[in-house]
N, C-alpha and C. Protein backbone atom coordinates (compact mmCIF):
# COMPACT_ATOMS: atom_id res chain seq x y z
N MET A 1 13.61 -7.91 4.74
CA MET A 1 12.37 -7.96 4.00
C MET A 1 11.22 -8.16 4.98
N SER A 2 10.16 -7.44 4.78
CA SER A 2 9.03 -7.54 5.71
C SER A 2 7.94 -8.44 5.14
N ASP A 3 7.03 -8.85 6.01
CA ASP A 3 5.88 -9.64 5.59
C ASP A 3 4.97 -8.78 4.74
N GLN A 4 4.23 -9.42 3.84
CA GLN A 4 3.22 -8.71 3.05
C GLN A 4 2.06 -8.32 3.95
N SER A 5 1.54 -7.13 3.76
CA SER A 5 0.35 -6.74 4.50
C SER A 5 -0.83 -7.50 3.91
N SER A 6 -1.80 -7.79 4.73
CA SER A 6 -2.98 -8.52 4.29
C SER A 6 -3.99 -7.57 3.69
N GLU A 7 -4.74 -8.07 2.74
CA GLU A 7 -5.86 -7.29 2.24
C GLU A 7 -6.99 -7.39 3.26
N ILE A 8 -7.85 -6.40 3.27
CA ILE A 8 -8.89 -6.30 4.29
C ILE A 8 -10.22 -6.76 3.71
N LEU A 9 -10.98 -7.48 4.52
CA LEU A 9 -12.32 -7.92 4.15
C LEU A 9 -13.29 -7.42 5.20
N ARG A 10 -14.28 -6.68 4.77
CA ARG A 10 -15.33 -6.21 5.68
C ARG A 10 -16.55 -7.10 5.50
N VAL A 11 -17.02 -7.60 6.63
CA VAL A 11 -18.22 -8.44 6.65
C VAL A 11 -19.13 -7.85 7.71
N GLY A 12 -20.14 -7.12 7.28
CA GLY A 12 -20.97 -6.39 8.24
C GLY A 12 -20.11 -5.34 8.92
N ASP A 13 -20.08 -5.37 10.25
CA ASP A 13 -19.26 -4.42 10.99
C ASP A 13 -17.92 -5.01 11.41
N GLU A 14 -17.59 -6.20 10.90
CA GLU A 14 -16.32 -6.84 11.24
C GLU A 14 -15.25 -6.54 10.20
N LYS A 15 -14.02 -6.41 10.68
CA LYS A 15 -12.86 -6.20 9.82
C LYS A 15 -12.00 -7.45 9.93
N LEU A 16 -11.82 -8.14 8.81
CA LEU A 16 -11.03 -9.36 8.77
C LEU A 16 -9.83 -9.15 7.86
N TYR A 17 -8.83 -10.02 7.99
CA TYR A 17 -7.62 -9.94 7.18
C TYR A 17 -7.50 -11.21 6.35
N ILE A 18 -7.44 -11.04 5.03
CA ILE A 18 -7.41 -12.17 4.10
C ILE A 18 -6.05 -12.84 4.16
N ASP A 19 -6.06 -14.16 4.26
CA ASP A 19 -4.85 -14.95 4.36
C ASP A 19 -4.36 -15.38 2.98
N GLN A 20 -3.26 -14.84 2.52
CA GLN A 20 -2.49 -15.24 1.35
C GLN A 20 -3.12 -14.97 0.00
N VAL A 21 -4.41 -15.01 -0.15
CA VAL A 21 -5.05 -14.81 -1.46
C VAL A 21 -5.24 -13.32 -1.73
N GLN A 22 -5.00 -12.92 -2.97
CA GLN A 22 -5.22 -11.54 -3.39
C GLN A 22 -6.21 -11.56 -4.55
N PRO A 23 -7.49 -11.31 -4.27
CA PRO A 23 -8.52 -11.44 -5.30
C PRO A 23 -8.31 -10.57 -6.53
N LEU A 24 -7.59 -9.48 -6.41
CA LEU A 24 -7.37 -8.59 -7.55
C LEU A 24 -6.37 -9.16 -8.56
N GLU A 25 -5.56 -10.11 -8.15
CA GLU A 25 -4.55 -10.69 -9.05
C GLU A 25 -5.19 -11.34 -10.27
N ALA A 26 -6.35 -11.97 -10.11
CA ALA A 26 -7.03 -12.59 -11.26
C ALA A 26 -7.43 -11.52 -12.28
N PHE A 27 -7.81 -10.34 -11.80
CA PHE A 27 -8.14 -9.24 -12.71
C PHE A 27 -6.89 -8.77 -13.45
N PHE A 28 -5.76 -8.68 -12.76
CA PHE A 28 -4.55 -8.16 -13.38
C PHE A 28 -4.04 -9.04 -14.52
N LYS A 29 -4.42 -10.31 -14.54
CA LYS A 29 -4.05 -11.15 -15.68
C LYS A 29 -4.70 -10.62 -16.95
N ASP A 30 -5.95 -10.19 -16.87
CA ASP A 30 -6.64 -9.60 -18.01
C ASP A 30 -6.28 -8.13 -18.19
N TYR A 31 -5.84 -7.50 -17.13
CA TYR A 31 -5.49 -6.07 -17.11
C TYR A 31 -4.41 -5.77 -18.14
N GLU A 32 -3.54 -6.73 -18.42
CA GLU A 32 -2.46 -6.54 -19.38
C GLU A 32 -2.99 -6.25 -20.78
N MET A 33 -4.22 -6.58 -21.05
CA MET A 33 -4.79 -6.39 -22.38
C MET A 33 -5.45 -5.01 -22.55
N THR A 34 -5.38 -4.17 -21.56
CA THR A 34 -6.04 -2.87 -21.62
C THR A 34 -5.02 -1.74 -21.80
N PRO A 35 -5.47 -0.54 -22.19
CA PRO A 35 -4.55 0.59 -22.31
C PRO A 35 -3.88 0.93 -20.98
N ALA A 36 -4.53 0.58 -19.88
CA ALA A 36 -3.96 0.89 -18.57
C ALA A 36 -2.76 0.02 -18.23
N LYS A 37 -2.37 -0.91 -19.12
CA LYS A 37 -1.22 -1.76 -18.85
C LYS A 37 0.06 -0.95 -18.68
N TYR A 38 0.04 0.28 -19.15
CA TYR A 38 1.23 1.13 -19.04
C TYR A 38 1.36 1.74 -17.65
N TRP A 39 0.34 1.56 -16.84
CA TRP A 39 0.43 2.00 -15.45
C TRP A 39 1.26 0.98 -14.71
N ARG A 40 2.00 1.43 -13.77
CA ARG A 40 2.70 0.51 -12.89
C ARG A 40 2.35 0.92 -11.48
N LEU A 41 1.62 0.06 -10.77
CA LEU A 41 1.29 0.38 -9.40
C LEU A 41 2.55 0.23 -8.56
N THR A 42 2.76 1.15 -7.69
CA THR A 42 3.97 1.14 -6.89
C THR A 42 3.64 0.91 -5.42
N ALA A 43 4.53 0.23 -4.76
CA ALA A 43 4.34 -0.07 -3.35
C ALA A 43 4.36 1.20 -2.51
N LEU A 44 3.52 1.22 -1.52
CA LEU A 44 3.47 2.36 -0.61
C LEU A 44 4.38 2.14 0.59
N SER A 45 4.69 0.88 0.83
CA SER A 45 5.62 0.54 1.91
C SER A 45 6.26 -0.79 1.57
N SER A 46 7.26 -1.18 2.32
CA SER A 46 7.93 -2.45 2.06
C SER A 46 7.02 -3.63 2.39
N ALA A 47 5.91 -3.39 3.06
CA ALA A 47 4.96 -4.46 3.38
C ALA A 47 3.97 -4.69 2.25
N GLU A 48 4.10 -3.96 1.14
CA GLU A 48 3.16 -4.10 0.03
C GLU A 48 3.90 -4.16 -1.29
N ASN A 49 4.80 -5.13 -1.45
CA ASN A 49 5.55 -5.15 -2.70
C ASN A 49 4.74 -5.68 -3.87
N ARG A 50 3.44 -5.99 -3.68
CA ARG A 50 2.58 -6.29 -4.81
C ARG A 50 2.09 -4.99 -5.45
N GLY A 51 2.27 -3.85 -4.79
CA GLY A 51 1.96 -2.55 -5.37
C GLY A 51 0.65 -1.94 -4.93
N TYR A 52 -0.12 -2.62 -4.12
CA TYR A 52 -1.41 -2.09 -3.69
C TYR A 52 -1.90 -2.86 -2.47
N CYS A 53 -2.93 -2.32 -1.85
CA CYS A 53 -3.64 -3.04 -0.79
C CYS A 53 -5.12 -2.78 -1.02
N GLY A 54 -5.89 -3.83 -1.18
CA GLY A 54 -7.31 -3.70 -1.46
C GLY A 54 -8.16 -3.88 -0.21
N THR A 55 -9.31 -3.21 -0.22
CA THR A 55 -10.32 -3.42 0.82
C THR A 55 -11.55 -3.98 0.12
N TRP A 56 -12.02 -5.09 0.63
CA TRP A 56 -13.12 -5.84 0.04
C TRP A 56 -14.29 -5.87 1.00
N GLU A 57 -15.48 -6.13 0.46
CA GLU A 57 -16.66 -6.25 1.30
C GLU A 57 -17.56 -7.33 0.74
N ILE A 58 -18.14 -8.13 1.64
CA ILE A 58 -19.16 -9.08 1.23
C ILE A 58 -20.50 -8.46 1.56
N LYS A 59 -21.31 -8.27 0.53
CA LYS A 59 -22.66 -7.77 0.72
C LYS A 59 -23.54 -8.36 -0.38
N ASN A 60 -24.79 -8.57 -0.05
CA ASN A 60 -25.73 -9.19 -0.98
C ASN A 60 -25.18 -10.50 -1.55
N ASN A 61 -24.46 -11.24 -0.71
CA ASN A 61 -23.87 -12.54 -1.08
C ASN A 61 -22.86 -12.43 -2.23
N SER A 62 -22.20 -11.28 -2.36
CA SER A 62 -21.21 -11.06 -3.40
C SER A 62 -19.99 -10.35 -2.83
N LEU A 63 -18.86 -10.51 -3.52
CA LEU A 63 -17.61 -9.87 -3.12
C LEU A 63 -17.44 -8.58 -3.92
N TYR A 64 -17.18 -7.48 -3.22
CA TYR A 64 -16.99 -6.18 -3.86
C TYR A 64 -15.63 -5.61 -3.48
N LEU A 65 -14.95 -5.00 -4.45
CA LEU A 65 -13.76 -4.21 -4.18
C LEU A 65 -14.26 -2.81 -3.88
N ILE A 66 -14.03 -2.33 -2.64
CA ILE A 66 -14.58 -1.03 -2.26
C ILE A 66 -13.53 0.08 -2.20
N SER A 67 -12.26 -0.31 -2.09
CA SER A 67 -11.20 0.70 -2.18
C SER A 67 -9.87 0.03 -2.47
N ILE A 68 -8.97 0.82 -3.01
CA ILE A 68 -7.61 0.34 -3.27
C ILE A 68 -6.66 1.43 -2.82
N TYR A 69 -5.60 1.01 -2.18
CA TYR A 69 -4.61 1.94 -1.68
C TYR A 69 -3.35 1.72 -2.50
N ALA A 70 -3.13 2.60 -3.49
CA ALA A 70 -2.00 2.43 -4.40
C ALA A 70 -1.69 3.75 -5.08
N TYR A 71 -0.51 3.79 -5.67
CA TYR A 71 -0.10 4.92 -6.49
C TYR A 71 0.35 4.37 -7.84
N ARG A 72 0.32 5.23 -8.84
CA ARG A 72 0.73 4.85 -10.18
C ARG A 72 2.00 5.60 -10.51
N VAL A 73 2.98 4.90 -11.05
CA VAL A 73 4.23 5.53 -11.46
C VAL A 73 4.08 5.99 -12.90
N VAL A 74 4.39 7.23 -13.16
CA VAL A 74 4.38 7.76 -14.52
C VAL A 74 5.77 8.32 -14.78
N LYS A 75 6.43 7.82 -15.82
CA LYS A 75 7.76 8.30 -16.16
C LYS A 75 7.69 9.05 -17.48
N LYS A 76 8.38 10.17 -17.54
CA LYS A 76 8.40 10.98 -18.76
C LYS A 76 9.83 11.36 -19.09
N GLY A 77 10.13 11.47 -20.37
CA GLY A 77 11.44 11.96 -20.80
C GLY A 77 12.49 10.87 -20.89
N PHE A 78 13.72 11.30 -21.17
CA PHE A 78 14.83 10.37 -21.25
C PHE A 78 15.24 9.90 -19.87
N TRP A 79 16.00 8.86 -19.81
CA TRP A 79 16.37 8.29 -18.52
C TRP A 79 17.05 9.28 -17.60
N PHE A 80 17.83 10.21 -18.15
CA PHE A 80 18.51 11.17 -17.28
C PHE A 80 17.67 12.43 -17.04
N TRP A 81 16.54 12.59 -17.76
CA TRP A 81 15.66 13.73 -17.54
C TRP A 81 14.29 13.30 -17.05
N LYS A 82 14.20 12.09 -16.64
CA LYS A 82 12.86 11.57 -16.34
C LYS A 82 12.19 12.32 -15.19
N LYS A 83 10.90 12.44 -15.31
CA LYS A 83 10.09 13.03 -14.27
C LYS A 83 9.16 11.91 -13.78
N VAL A 84 9.21 11.63 -12.51
CA VAL A 84 8.40 10.56 -11.95
C VAL A 84 7.33 11.19 -11.08
N THR A 85 6.09 10.85 -11.33
CA THR A 85 5.00 11.33 -10.50
C THR A 85 4.25 10.13 -9.92
N TYR A 86 3.53 10.36 -8.85
CA TYR A 86 2.82 9.29 -8.18
C TYR A 86 1.36 9.67 -7.93
N PRO A 87 0.53 9.67 -8.99
CA PRO A 87 -0.89 9.96 -8.74
C PRO A 87 -1.56 8.79 -8.03
N GLU A 88 -2.49 9.12 -7.16
CA GLU A 88 -3.21 8.10 -6.41
C GLU A 88 -4.16 7.36 -7.35
N VAL A 89 -4.33 6.07 -7.13
CA VAL A 89 -5.22 5.24 -7.93
C VAL A 89 -6.44 4.90 -7.08
N ASN A 90 -7.62 4.95 -7.70
CA ASN A 90 -8.81 4.51 -6.98
C ASN A 90 -9.52 3.44 -7.81
N VAL A 91 -10.57 2.87 -7.27
CA VAL A 91 -11.28 1.78 -7.93
C VAL A 91 -11.80 2.21 -9.30
N SER A 92 -12.28 3.43 -9.41
CA SER A 92 -12.82 3.92 -10.68
C SER A 92 -11.74 4.07 -11.75
N ASP A 93 -10.48 4.26 -11.36
CA ASP A 93 -9.39 4.32 -12.34
C ASP A 93 -9.19 2.96 -13.00
N LEU A 94 -9.27 1.91 -12.21
CA LEU A 94 -9.09 0.55 -12.74
C LEU A 94 -10.35 0.04 -13.41
N PHE A 95 -11.50 0.45 -12.89
CA PHE A 95 -12.78 -0.03 -13.39
C PHE A 95 -13.69 1.17 -13.69
N PRO A 96 -13.68 1.67 -14.92
CA PRO A 96 -14.53 2.82 -15.24
C PRO A 96 -16.02 2.55 -15.01
N GLU A 97 -16.41 1.29 -15.03
CA GLU A 97 -17.81 0.94 -14.81
C GLU A 97 -18.19 0.85 -13.33
N ALA A 98 -17.27 1.15 -12.43
CA ALA A 98 -17.55 1.11 -10.99
C ALA A 98 -18.65 2.10 -10.64
N ILE A 99 -19.51 1.68 -9.73
CA ILE A 99 -20.61 2.52 -9.27
C ILE A 99 -20.31 2.96 -7.84
N ASP A 100 -20.32 4.26 -7.61
CA ASP A 100 -20.01 4.83 -6.29
C ASP A 100 -18.66 4.35 -5.76
N GLY A 101 -17.70 4.17 -6.67
CA GLY A 101 -16.34 3.81 -6.26
C GLY A 101 -16.16 2.38 -5.82
N GLU A 102 -17.08 1.49 -6.15
CA GLU A 102 -16.91 0.07 -5.82
C GLU A 102 -17.42 -0.78 -6.97
N ILE A 103 -16.88 -2.01 -7.04
CA ILE A 103 -17.26 -2.90 -8.13
C ILE A 103 -17.34 -4.34 -7.64
N LYS A 104 -18.29 -5.06 -8.18
CA LYS A 104 -18.44 -6.48 -7.87
C LYS A 104 -17.29 -7.24 -8.52
N ALA A 105 -16.67 -8.14 -7.78
CA ALA A 105 -15.48 -8.87 -8.23
C ALA A 105 -15.87 -10.10 -9.05
N THR A 106 -16.49 -9.88 -10.20
CA THR A 106 -16.95 -10.99 -11.04
C THR A 106 -15.81 -11.82 -11.62
N TRP A 107 -14.60 -11.30 -11.64
CA TRP A 107 -13.44 -12.01 -12.17
C TRP A 107 -12.89 -13.03 -11.17
N PHE A 108 -13.33 -12.97 -9.91
CA PHE A 108 -12.71 -13.82 -8.88
C PHE A 108 -13.53 -15.07 -8.60
N SER A 109 -12.88 -16.20 -8.76
CA SER A 109 -13.42 -17.50 -8.34
C SER A 109 -12.32 -18.15 -7.52
N GLY A 110 -12.67 -18.62 -6.35
CA GLY A 110 -11.67 -19.25 -5.50
C GLY A 110 -12.12 -19.29 -4.06
N VAL A 111 -11.19 -19.69 -3.21
CA VAL A 111 -11.45 -19.86 -1.79
C VAL A 111 -10.40 -19.09 -1.01
N PHE A 112 -10.81 -18.46 0.07
CA PHE A 112 -9.83 -17.91 1.00
C PHE A 112 -10.35 -17.94 2.42
N ARG A 113 -9.40 -17.78 3.33
CA ARG A 113 -9.70 -17.66 4.75
C ARG A 113 -9.37 -16.23 5.16
N ALA A 114 -10.19 -15.69 6.03
CA ALA A 114 -9.95 -14.34 6.55
C ALA A 114 -10.06 -14.40 8.07
N TYR A 115 -9.12 -13.76 8.74
CA TYR A 115 -9.02 -13.83 10.20
C TYR A 115 -9.39 -12.51 10.85
N SER A 116 -9.87 -12.60 12.07
CA SER A 116 -10.30 -11.39 12.77
C SER A 116 -9.14 -10.58 13.32
N LYS A 117 -7.97 -11.13 13.37
CA LYS A 117 -6.77 -10.40 13.80
C LYS A 117 -5.67 -10.67 12.80
N THR A 118 -4.59 -9.92 12.89
CA THR A 118 -3.49 -10.13 11.97
C THR A 118 -2.85 -11.49 12.24
N LEU A 119 -2.15 -11.99 11.24
CA LEU A 119 -1.58 -13.33 11.35
C LEU A 119 -0.45 -13.41 12.37
N ARG A 120 0.17 -12.29 12.69
CA ARG A 120 1.25 -12.31 13.69
C ARG A 120 0.71 -12.43 15.10
N ASN A 121 -0.53 -12.01 15.30
CA ASN A 121 -1.14 -12.04 16.62
C ASN A 121 -2.06 -13.25 16.73
N PRO A 122 -2.39 -13.66 17.95
CA PRO A 122 -3.35 -14.75 18.09
C PRO A 122 -4.67 -14.35 17.45
N VAL A 123 -5.32 -15.30 16.81
CA VAL A 123 -6.57 -15.00 16.13
C VAL A 123 -7.75 -15.56 16.91
N ASP A 124 -8.87 -14.87 16.82
CA ASP A 124 -10.08 -15.31 17.52
C ASP A 124 -10.99 -16.11 16.61
N ASP A 125 -11.34 -15.53 15.46
CA ASP A 125 -12.28 -16.15 14.55
C ASP A 125 -11.74 -16.16 13.13
N CYS A 126 -12.32 -17.03 12.33
CA CYS A 126 -11.90 -17.18 10.95
C CYS A 126 -13.14 -17.40 10.10
N LEU A 127 -13.15 -16.82 8.92
CA LEU A 127 -14.20 -17.05 7.94
C LEU A 127 -13.57 -17.75 6.75
N TRP A 128 -14.10 -18.90 6.40
CA TRP A 128 -13.72 -19.61 5.19
C TRP A 128 -14.83 -19.35 4.19
N VAL A 129 -14.49 -18.88 2.98
CA VAL A 129 -15.52 -18.55 2.01
C VAL A 129 -15.08 -18.96 0.60
N LYS A 130 -16.03 -19.50 -0.15
CA LYS A 130 -15.78 -19.93 -1.53
C LYS A 130 -16.61 -19.06 -2.46
N PHE A 131 -15.97 -18.58 -3.56
CA PHE A 131 -16.62 -17.72 -4.53
C PHE A 131 -16.59 -18.34 -5.92
N GLU A 132 -17.63 -18.07 -6.70
CA GLU A 132 -17.67 -18.37 -8.13
C GLU A 132 -18.09 -17.08 -8.82
N ASN A 133 -17.21 -16.52 -9.63
CA ASN A 133 -17.49 -15.27 -10.34
C ASN A 133 -18.00 -14.17 -9.42
N GLY A 134 -17.39 -14.06 -8.25
CA GLY A 134 -17.73 -13.01 -7.31
C GLY A 134 -18.92 -13.30 -6.41
N GLU A 135 -19.61 -14.41 -6.62
CA GLU A 135 -20.77 -14.78 -5.79
C GLU A 135 -20.34 -15.77 -4.72
N VAL A 136 -20.86 -15.60 -3.51
CA VAL A 136 -20.57 -16.54 -2.43
C VAL A 136 -21.28 -17.85 -2.72
N VAL A 137 -20.51 -18.94 -2.79
CA VAL A 137 -21.07 -20.26 -3.01
C VAL A 137 -21.33 -20.93 -1.66
N SER A 138 -20.35 -20.80 -0.76
CA SER A 138 -20.50 -21.34 0.59
C SER A 138 -19.56 -20.60 1.52
N HIS A 139 -19.88 -20.67 2.79
CA HIS A 139 -19.00 -20.05 3.79
C HIS A 139 -19.14 -20.82 5.10
N ARG A 140 -18.15 -20.64 5.95
CA ARG A 140 -18.16 -21.29 7.26
C ARG A 140 -17.35 -20.43 8.22
N TRP A 141 -17.87 -20.20 9.39
CA TRP A 141 -17.17 -19.47 10.44
C TRP A 141 -16.54 -20.47 11.40
N PHE A 142 -15.38 -20.11 11.96
CA PHE A 142 -14.68 -20.96 12.92
C PHE A 142 -14.16 -20.11 14.08
N HIS A 143 -14.20 -20.69 15.27
CA HIS A 143 -13.42 -20.17 16.39
C HIS A 143 -12.08 -20.86 16.28
N VAL A 144 -11.01 -20.12 16.23
CA VAL A 144 -9.69 -20.71 16.12
C VAL A 144 -9.33 -21.29 17.48
N ASN A 145 -8.95 -22.57 17.46
CA ASN A 145 -8.73 -23.31 18.70
C ASN A 145 -7.50 -24.18 18.58
N GLY A 146 -6.35 -23.60 18.70
CA GLY A 146 -5.14 -24.40 18.63
C GLY A 146 -4.27 -24.01 17.46
N LYS A 147 -3.28 -24.84 17.20
CA LYS A 147 -2.29 -24.52 16.18
C LYS A 147 -2.63 -25.09 14.81
N THR A 148 -3.52 -26.06 14.74
CA THR A 148 -3.87 -26.63 13.45
C THR A 148 -5.34 -26.36 13.14
N ARG A 149 -5.63 -26.26 11.86
CA ARG A 149 -6.99 -25.94 11.43
C ARG A 149 -7.99 -27.02 11.83
N LYS A 150 -7.53 -28.26 11.98
CA LYS A 150 -8.45 -29.33 12.33
C LYS A 150 -9.02 -29.16 13.73
N ASP A 151 -8.38 -28.34 14.55
CA ASP A 151 -8.87 -28.08 15.91
C ASP A 151 -9.86 -26.92 15.97
N ASP A 152 -10.03 -26.23 14.86
CA ASP A 152 -10.96 -25.09 14.85
C ASP A 152 -12.39 -25.56 15.08
N ILE A 153 -13.16 -24.73 15.75
CA ILE A 153 -14.54 -25.09 16.11
C ILE A 153 -15.50 -24.33 15.19
N PRO A 154 -16.26 -25.03 14.33
CA PRO A 154 -17.18 -24.34 13.44
C PRO A 154 -18.41 -23.82 14.19
N TYR A 155 -18.96 -22.73 13.70
CA TYR A 155 -20.23 -22.22 14.24
C TYR A 155 -21.03 -21.55 13.14
N GLU A 156 -22.31 -21.43 13.33
CA GLU A 156 -23.20 -20.87 12.32
C GLU A 156 -23.34 -19.36 12.52
N LYS A 157 -23.21 -18.65 11.43
CA LYS A 157 -23.41 -17.20 11.43
C LYS A 157 -23.65 -16.78 9.98
N PRO A 158 -24.77 -16.15 9.69
CA PRO A 158 -25.04 -15.75 8.30
C PRO A 158 -24.17 -14.57 7.87
N LEU A 159 -23.97 -14.44 6.57
CA LEU A 159 -23.31 -13.27 6.03
C LEU A 159 -24.33 -12.18 5.85
N PRO A 160 -23.94 -10.91 5.99
CA PRO A 160 -24.92 -9.82 5.82
C PRO A 160 -25.39 -9.69 4.38
């Protein structure tokens, strides 16, 4: 079994990797109440057994889902005659109200850390950010310095 791939967070021109939190999961709790509940997102690799990989962006002090990398399983017919297709899913498929293929993550409230390198490799910097209904409430940048978070060195840097 392989590690889960991290979701990506873009902050200005930086590419960060979100640690453990998947902001789209809060949406999927409500997703069950929609006609699209019959979709089943399928993993693209063994590193994505949640069925998708999202790319997020912080802009205008808000969190946006800007792309999703997933396929939808569609089964037709009896079990022995089934036809399985894998149409690609995009943000507008999940959110018809998306503008230019991206949507503000108003369903997400929580905290996560995002690192400048993958978790398997040594990391340089970390962004800690707290959201309420998709809005940035607070954030803090750190230079990673050692094996424990208490050794990290905070520094000031605004979000774009």
